[in-house]
Amino acid sequence: MKRSILTTIAVLLSVGFLTACTNNEMGTVGGAALGGVAGSALTGGSTAGTIVGAVGGGLIGNAVTR
């Protein structure tokens, strides 16, 4: 119960902060999220793969939305 409440609060705060972002910032965040998921999936859940994917995705998302 406690965990679901904290998760809900975290999601609501994240959405609130993202609504104040510019399109470029949203592209960067979206790219980082997708890159992190892809990096994790491709490396079998490796921390390094997730980080590299997130950084690469963030850079690509930033470049695409400029």
PDB file of N, CA and C in Angstrom:
ATOM      1  N   MET A   1       0.826  -1.189   0.000  1.00  0.00           N
ATOM      2  CA  MET A   1       0.000   0.000   0.000  1.00  0.00           C
ATOM      3  C   MET A   1       0.866   1.245   0.000  1.00  0.00           C
ATOM      4  N   LYS A   2       1.861   1.254   0.878  1.00  0.00           N
ATOM      5  CA  LYS A   2       2.728   2.417   0.987  1.00  0.00           C
ATOM      6  C   LYS A   2       3.504   2.649  -0.305  1.00  0.00           C
ATOM      7  N   ARG A   3       3.942   1.547  -0.919  1.00  0.00           N
ATOM      8  CA  ARG A   3       4.725   1.651  -2.151  1.00  0.00           C
ATOM      9  C   ARG A   3       3.892   2.222  -3.293  1.00  0.00           C
ATOM     10  N   SER A   4       2.636   1.812  -3.408  1.00  0.00           N
ATOM     11  CA  SER A   4       1.787   2.313  -4.486  1.00  0.00           C
ATOM     12  C   SER A   4       1.481   3.794  -4.305  1.00  0.00           C
ATOM     13  N   ILE A   5       1.345   4.235  -3.086  1.00  0.00           N
ATOM     14  CA  ILE A   5       1.114   5.663  -2.838  1.00  0.00           C
ATOM     15  C   ILE A   5       2.346   6.466  -3.223  1.00  0.00           C
ATOM     16  N   LEU A   6       3.530   5.990  -2.847  1.00  0.00           N
ATOM     17  CA  LEU A   6       4.758   6.693  -3.203  1.00  0.00           C
ATOM     18  C   LEU A   6       4.979   6.697  -4.710  1.00  0.00           C
ATOM     19  N   THR A   7       4.656   5.604  -5.371  1.00  0.00           N
ATOM     20  CA  THR A   7       4.782   5.539  -6.828  1.00  0.00           C
ATOM     21  C   THR A   7       3.833   6.535  -7.490  1.00  0.00           C
ATOM     22  N   THR A   8       2.617   6.619  -7.012  1.00  0.00           N
ATOM     23  CA  THR A   8       1.642   7.568  -7.554  1.00  0.00           C
ATOM     24  C   THR A   8       2.118   8.999  -7.370  1.00  0.00           C
ATOM     25  N   ILE A   9       2.641   9.321  -6.216  1.00  0.00           N
ATOM     26  CA  ILE A   9       3.153  10.668  -5.963  1.00  0.00           C
ATOM     27  C   ILE A   9       4.325  10.978  -6.885  1.00  0.00           C
ATOM     28  N   ALA A  10       5.223  10.018  -7.067  1.00  0.00           N
ATOM     29  CA  ALA A  10       6.380  10.230  -7.943  1.00  0.00           C
ATOM     30  C   ALA A  10       5.946  10.463  -9.382  1.00  0.00           C
ATOM     31  N   VAL A  11       4.969   9.700  -9.848  1.00  0.00           N
ATOM     32  CA  VAL A  11       4.477   9.874 -11.223  1.00  0.00           C
ATOM     33  C   VAL A  11       3.809  11.233 -11.382  1.00  0.00           C
ATOM     34  N   LEU A  12       3.003  11.633 -10.444  1.00  0.00           N
ATOM     35  CA  LEU A  12       2.331  12.933 -10.526  1.00  0.00           C
ATOM     36  C   LEU A  12       3.332  14.087 -10.507  1.00  0.00           C
ATOM     37  N   LEU A  13       4.346  13.992  -9.684  1.00  0.00           N
ATOM     38  CA  LEU A  13       5.380  15.030  -9.659  1.00  0.00           C
ATOM     39  C   LEU A  13       6.150  15.072 -10.970  1.00  0.00           C
ATOM     40  N   SER A  14       6.465  13.920 -11.507  1.00  0.00           N
ATOM     41  CA  SER A  14       7.191  13.870 -12.777  1.00  0.00           C
ATOM     42  C   SER A  14       6.385  14.501 -13.895  1.00  0.00           C
ATOM     43  N   VAL A  15       5.123  14.180 -13.970  1.00  0.00           N
ATOM     44  CA  VAL A  15       4.259  14.761 -14.997  1.00  0.00           C
ATOM     45  C   VAL A  15       4.152  16.263 -14.801  1.00  0.00           C
ATOM     46  N   GLY A  16       4.046  16.698 -13.571  1.00  0.00           N
ATOM     47  CA  GLY A  16       3.976  18.135 -13.293  1.00  0.00           C
ATOM     48  C   GLY A  16       5.221  18.872 -13.733  1.00  0.00           C
ATOM     49  N   PHE A  17       6.377  18.296 -13.495  1.00  0.00           N
ATOM     50  CA  PHE A  17       7.621  18.939 -13.911  1.00  0.00           C
ATOM     51  C   PHE A  17       7.770  18.931 -15.426  1.00  0.00           C
ATOM     52  N   LEU A  18       7.337  17.866 -16.083  1.00  0.00           N
ATOM     53  CA  LEU A  18       7.493  17.774 -17.529  1.00  0.00           C
ATOM     54  C   LEU A  18       6.572  18.722 -18.282  1.00  0.00           C
ATOM     55  N   THR A  19       5.481  19.133 -17.696  1.00  0.00           N
ATOM     56  CA  THR A  19       4.593  20.057 -18.390  1.00  0.00           C
ATOM     57  C   THR A  19       5.213  21.439 -18.513  1.00  0.00           C
ATOM     58  N   ALA A  20       6.200  21.741 -17.715  1.00  0.00           N
ATOM     59  CA  ALA A  20       6.864  23.039 -17.777  1.00  0.00           C
ATOM     60  C   ALA A  20       8.070  23.031 -18.711  1.00  0.00           C
ATOM     61  N   CYS A  21       8.340  21.922 -19.376  1.00  0.00           N
ATOM     62  CA  CYS A  21       9.507  21.798 -20.249  1.00  0.00           C
ATOM     63  C   CYS A  21       9.215  22.331 -21.649  1.00  0.00           C
ATOM     64  N   THR A  22      10.275  22.720 -22.329  1.00  0.00           N
ATOM     65  CA  THR A  22      10.166  23.105 -23.730  1.00  0.00           C
ATOM     66  C   THR A  22      10.129  21.845 -24.586  1.00  0.00           C
ATOM     67  N   ASN A  23       9.831  22.003 -25.877  1.00  0.00           N
ATOM     68  CA  ASN A  23       9.805  20.839 -26.771  1.00  0.00           C
ATOM     69  C   ASN A  23      11.172  20.168 -26.846  1.00  0.00           C
ATOM     70  N   ASN A  24      12.228  20.962 -26.848  1.00  0.00           N
ATOM     71  CA  ASN A  24      13.576  20.404 -26.910  1.00  0.00           C
ATOM     72  C   ASN A  24      13.874  19.566 -25.666  1.00  0.00           C
ATOM     73  N   GLU A  25      13.497  20.061 -24.515  1.00  0.00           N
ATOM     74  CA  GLU A  25      13.719  19.313 -23.280  1.00  0.00           C
ATOM     75  C   GLU A  25      12.884  18.035 -23.252  1.00  0.00           C
ATOM     76  N   MET A  26      11.653  18.119 -23.750  1.00  0.00           N
ATOM     77  CA  MET A  26      10.804  16.927 -23.799  1.00  0.00           C
ATOM     78  C   MET A  26      11.399  15.872 -24.734  1.00  0.00           C
ATOM     79  N   GLY A  27      11.963  16.310 -25.863  1.00  0.00           N
ATOM     80  CA  GLY A  27      12.604  15.373 -26.779  1.00  0.00           C
ATOM     81  C   GLY A  27      13.796  14.695 -26.146  1.00  0.00           C
ATOM     82  N   THR A  28      14.561  15.460 -25.378  1.00  0.00           N
ATOM     83  CA  THR A  28      15.727  14.909 -24.698  1.00  0.00           C
ATOM     84  C   THR A  28      15.308  13.882 -23.652  1.00  0.00           C
ATOM     85  N   VAL A  29      14.313  14.228 -22.852  1.00  0.00           N
ATOM     86  CA  VAL A  29      13.835  13.311 -21.805  1.00  0.00           C
ATOM     87  C   VAL A  29      13.229  12.051 -22.425  1.00  0.00           C
ATOM     88  N   GLY A  30      12.423  12.229 -23.466  1.00  0.00           N
ATOM     89  CA  GLY A  30      11.815  11.076 -24.127  1.00  0.00           C
ATOM     90  C   GLY A  30      12.854  10.170 -24.759  1.00  0.00           C
ATOM     91  N   GLY A  31      13.846  10.779 -25.403  1.00  0.00           N
ATOM     92  CA  GLY A  31      14.917   9.996 -26.008  1.00  0.00           C
ATOM     93  C   GLY A  31      15.720   9.240 -24.970  1.00  0.00           C
ATOM     94  N   ALA A  32      15.978   9.897 -23.852  1.00  0.00           N
ATOM     95  CA  ALA A  32      16.732   9.235 -22.780  1.00  0.00           C
ATOM     96  C   ALA A  32      15.945   8.065 -22.202  1.00  0.00           C
ATOM     97  N   ALA A  33      14.654   8.245 -22.031  1.00  0.00           N
ATOM     98  CA  ALA A  33      13.830   7.162 -21.489  1.00  0.00           C
ATOM     99  C   ALA A  33      13.797   5.973 -22.443  1.00  0.00           C
ATOM    100  N   LEU A  34      13.545   6.250 -23.718  1.00  0.00           N
ATOM    101  CA  LEU A  34      13.498   5.159 -24.693  1.00  0.00           C
ATOM    102  C   LEU A  34      14.866   4.505 -24.872  1.00  0.00           C
ATOM    103  N   GLY A  35      15.904   5.314 -24.885  1.00  0.00           N
ATOM    104  CA  GLY A  35      17.251   4.770 -25.016  1.00  0.00           C
ATOM    105  C   GLY A  35      17.635   3.906 -23.826  1.00  0.00           C
ATOM    106  N   GLY A  36      17.240   4.330 -22.639  1.00  0.00           N
ATOM    107  CA  GLY A  36      17.528   3.536 -21.443  1.00  0.00           C
ATOM    108  C   GLY A  36      16.830   2.192 -21.472  1.00  0.00           C
ATOM    109  N   VAL A  37      15.578   2.186 -21.899  1.00  0.00           N
ATOM    110  CA  VAL A  37      14.830   0.931 -22.006  1.00  0.00           C
ATOM    111  C   VAL A  37      15.455   0.032 -23.069  1.00  0.00           C
ATOM    112  N   ALA A  38      15.788   0.621 -24.216  1.00  0.00           N
ATOM    113  CA  ALA A  38      16.399  -0.170 -25.287  1.00  0.00           C
ATOM    114  C   ALA A  38      17.763  -0.717 -24.866  1.00  0.00           C
ATOM    115  N   GLY A  39      18.580   0.119 -24.225  1.00  0.00           N
ATOM    116  CA  GLY A  39      19.896  -0.323 -23.768  1.00  0.00           C
ATOM    117  C   GLY A  39      19.795  -1.444 -22.755  1.00  0.00           C
ATOM    118  N   SER A  40      18.831  -1.347 -21.866  1.00  0.00           N
ATOM    119  CA  SER A  40      18.626  -2.389 -20.871  1.00  0.00           C
ATOM    120  C   SER A  40      18.183  -3.693 -21.530  1.00  0.00           C
ATOM    121  N   ALA A  41      17.278  -3.574 -22.488  1.00  0.00           N
ATOM    122  CA  ALA A  41      16.777  -4.774 -23.161  1.00  0.00           C
ATOM    123  C   ALA A  41      17.862  -5.450 -23.998  1.00  0.00           C
ATOM    124  N   LEU A  42      18.661  -4.653 -24.673  1.00  0.00           N
ATOM    125  CA  LEU A  42      19.693  -5.218 -25.546  1.00  0.00           C
ATOM    126  C   LEU A  42      20.842  -5.861 -24.779  1.00  0.00           C
ATOM    127  N   THR A  43      21.090  -5.398 -23.554  1.00  0.00           N
ATOM    128  CA  THR A  43      22.213  -5.934 -22.783  1.00  0.00           C
ATOM    129  C   THR A  43      21.763  -6.854 -21.651  1.00  0.00           C
ATOM    130  N   GLY A  44      20.508  -7.234 -21.652  1.00  0.00           N
ATOM    131  CA  GLY A  44      20.022  -8.152 -20.624  1.00  0.00           C
ATOM    132  C   GLY A  44      19.920  -7.533 -19.244  1.00  0.00           C
ATOM    133  N   GLY A  45      19.641  -6.253 -19.162  1.00  0.00           N
ATOM    134  CA  GLY A  45      19.474  -5.579 -17.881  1.00  0.00           C
ATOM    135  C   GLY A  45      20.750  -5.023 -17.288  1.00  0.00           C
ATOM    136  N   SER A  46      21.799  -4.938 -18.084  1.00  0.00           N
ATOM    137  CA  SER A  46      23.070  -4.413 -17.606  1.00  0.00           C
ATOM    138  C   SER A  46      22.948  -2.931 -17.249  1.00  0.00           C
ATOM    139  N   THR A  47      23.527  -2.536 -16.129  1.00  0.00           N
ATOM    140  CA  THR A  47      23.510  -1.137 -15.721  1.00  0.00           C
ATOM    141  C   THR A  47      24.245  -0.266 -16.725  1.00  0.00           C
ATOM    142  N   ALA A  48      25.392  -0.717 -17.171  1.00  0.00           N
ATOM    143  CA  ALA A  48      26.170   0.061 -18.140  1.00  0.00           C
ATOM    144  C   ALA A  48      25.405   0.215 -19.451  1.00  0.00           C
ATOM    145  N   GLY A  49      24.742  -0.832 -19.905  1.00  0.00           N
ATOM    146  CA  GLY A  49      23.953  -0.759 -21.134  1.00  0.00           C
ATOM    147  C   GLY A  49      22.795   0.205 -21.006  1.00  0.00           C
ATOM    148  N   THR A  50      22.166   0.226 -19.840  1.00  0.00           N
ATOM    149  CA  THR A  50      21.063   1.149 -19.598  1.00  0.00           C
ATOM    150  C   THR A  50      21.545   2.590 -19.621  1.00  0.00           C
ATOM    151  N   ILE A  51      22.683   2.847 -18.980  1.00  0.00           N
ATOM    152  CA  ILE A  51      23.219   4.210 -18.928  1.00  0.00           C
ATOM    153  C   ILE A  51      23.653   4.671 -20.305  1.00  0.00           C
ATOM    154  N   VAL A  52      24.362   3.825 -21.027  1.00  0.00           N
ATOM    155  CA  VAL A  52      24.816   4.191 -22.376  1.00  0.00           C
ATOM    156  C   VAL A  52      23.606   4.428 -23.285  1.00  0.00           C
ATOM    157  N   GLY A  53      22.591   3.583 -23.184  1.00  0.00           N
ATOM    158  CA  GLY A  53      21.384   3.769 -23.979  1.00  0.00           C
ATOM    159  C   GLY A  53      20.666   5.060 -23.649  1.00  0.00           C
ATOM    160  N   ALA A  54      20.595   5.395 -22.364  1.00  0.00           N
ATOM    161  CA  ALA A  54      19.923   6.626 -21.950  1.00  0.00           C
ATOM    162  C   ALA A  54      20.674   7.858 -22.441  1.00  0.00           C
ATOM    163  N   VAL A  55      21.986   7.843 -22.336  1.00  0.00           N
ATOM    164  CA  VAL A  55      22.788   8.983 -22.801  1.00  0.00           C
ATOM    165  C   VAL A  55      22.661   9.127 -24.315  1.00  0.00           C
ATOM    166  N   GLY A  56      22.793   8.014 -25.025  1.00  0.00           N
ATOM    167  CA  GLY A  56      22.667   8.059 -26.481  1.00  0.00           C
ATOM    168  C   GLY A  56      21.278   8.502 -26.911  1.00  0.00           C
ATOM    169  N   GLY A  57      20.260   7.985 -26.277  1.00  0.00           N
ATOM    170  CA  GLY A  57      18.887   8.374 -26.602  1.00  0.00           C
ATOM    171  C   GLY A  57      18.630   9.833 -26.305  1.00  0.00           C
ATOM    172  N   GLY A  58      19.178  10.325 -25.204  1.00  0.00           N
ATOM    173  CA  GLY A  58      19.015  11.741 -24.857  1.00  0.00           C
ATOM    174  C   GLY A  58      19.683  12.652 -25.888  1.00  0.00           C
ATOM    175  N   LEU A  59      20.847  12.252 -26.331  1.00  0.00           N
ATOM    176  CA  LEU A  59      21.543  13.048 -27.356  1.00  0.00           C
ATOM    177  C   LEU A  59      20.775  13.045 -28.673  1.00  0.00           C
ATOM    178  N   ILE A  60      20.266  11.893 -29.052  1.00  0.00           N
ATOM    179  CA  ILE A  60      19.492  11.801 -30.286  1.00  0.00           C
ATOM    180  C   ILE A  60      18.179  12.583 -30.162  1.00  0.00           C
ATOM    181  N   GLY A  61      17.496  12.430 -29.051  1.00  0.00           N
ATOM    182  CA  GLY A  61      16.244  13.169 -28.833  1.00  0.00           C
ATOM    183  C   GLY A  61      16.456  14.659 -28.833  1.00  0.00           C
ATOM    184  N   ASN A  62      17.565  15.112 -28.271  1.00  0.00           N
ATOM    185  CA  ASN A  62      17.889  16.546 -28.266  1.00  0.00           C
ATOM    186  C   ASN A  62      18.153  17.031 -29.675  1.00  0.00           C
ATOM    187  N   ALA A  63      18.903  16.267 -30.455  1.00  0.00           N
ATOM    188  CA  ALA A  63      19.241  16.676 -31.819  1.00  0.00           C
ATOM    189  C   ALA A  63      18.005  16.695 -32.724  1.00  0.00           C
ATOM    190  N   VAL A  64      17.116  15.748 -32.546  1.00  0.00           N
ATOM    191  CA  VAL A  64      15.936  15.651 -33.397  1.00  0.00           C
ATOM    192  C   VAL A  64      14.969  16.816 -33.141  1.00  0.00           C
ATOM    193  N   THR A  65      14.875  17.261 -31.923  1.00  0.00           N
ATOM    194  CA  THR A  65      13.898  18.304 -31.571  1.00  0.00           C
ATOM    195  C   THR A  65      14.461  19.724 -31.691  1.00  0.00           C
ATOM    196  N   ARG A  66      15.634  19.889 -32.188  1.00  0.00           N
ATOM    197  CA  ARG A  66      16.178  21.246 -32.360  1.00  0.00           C
ATOM    198  C   ARG A  66      15.579  21.920 -33.537  1.00  0.00           C
TER     199      ARG A  66
END
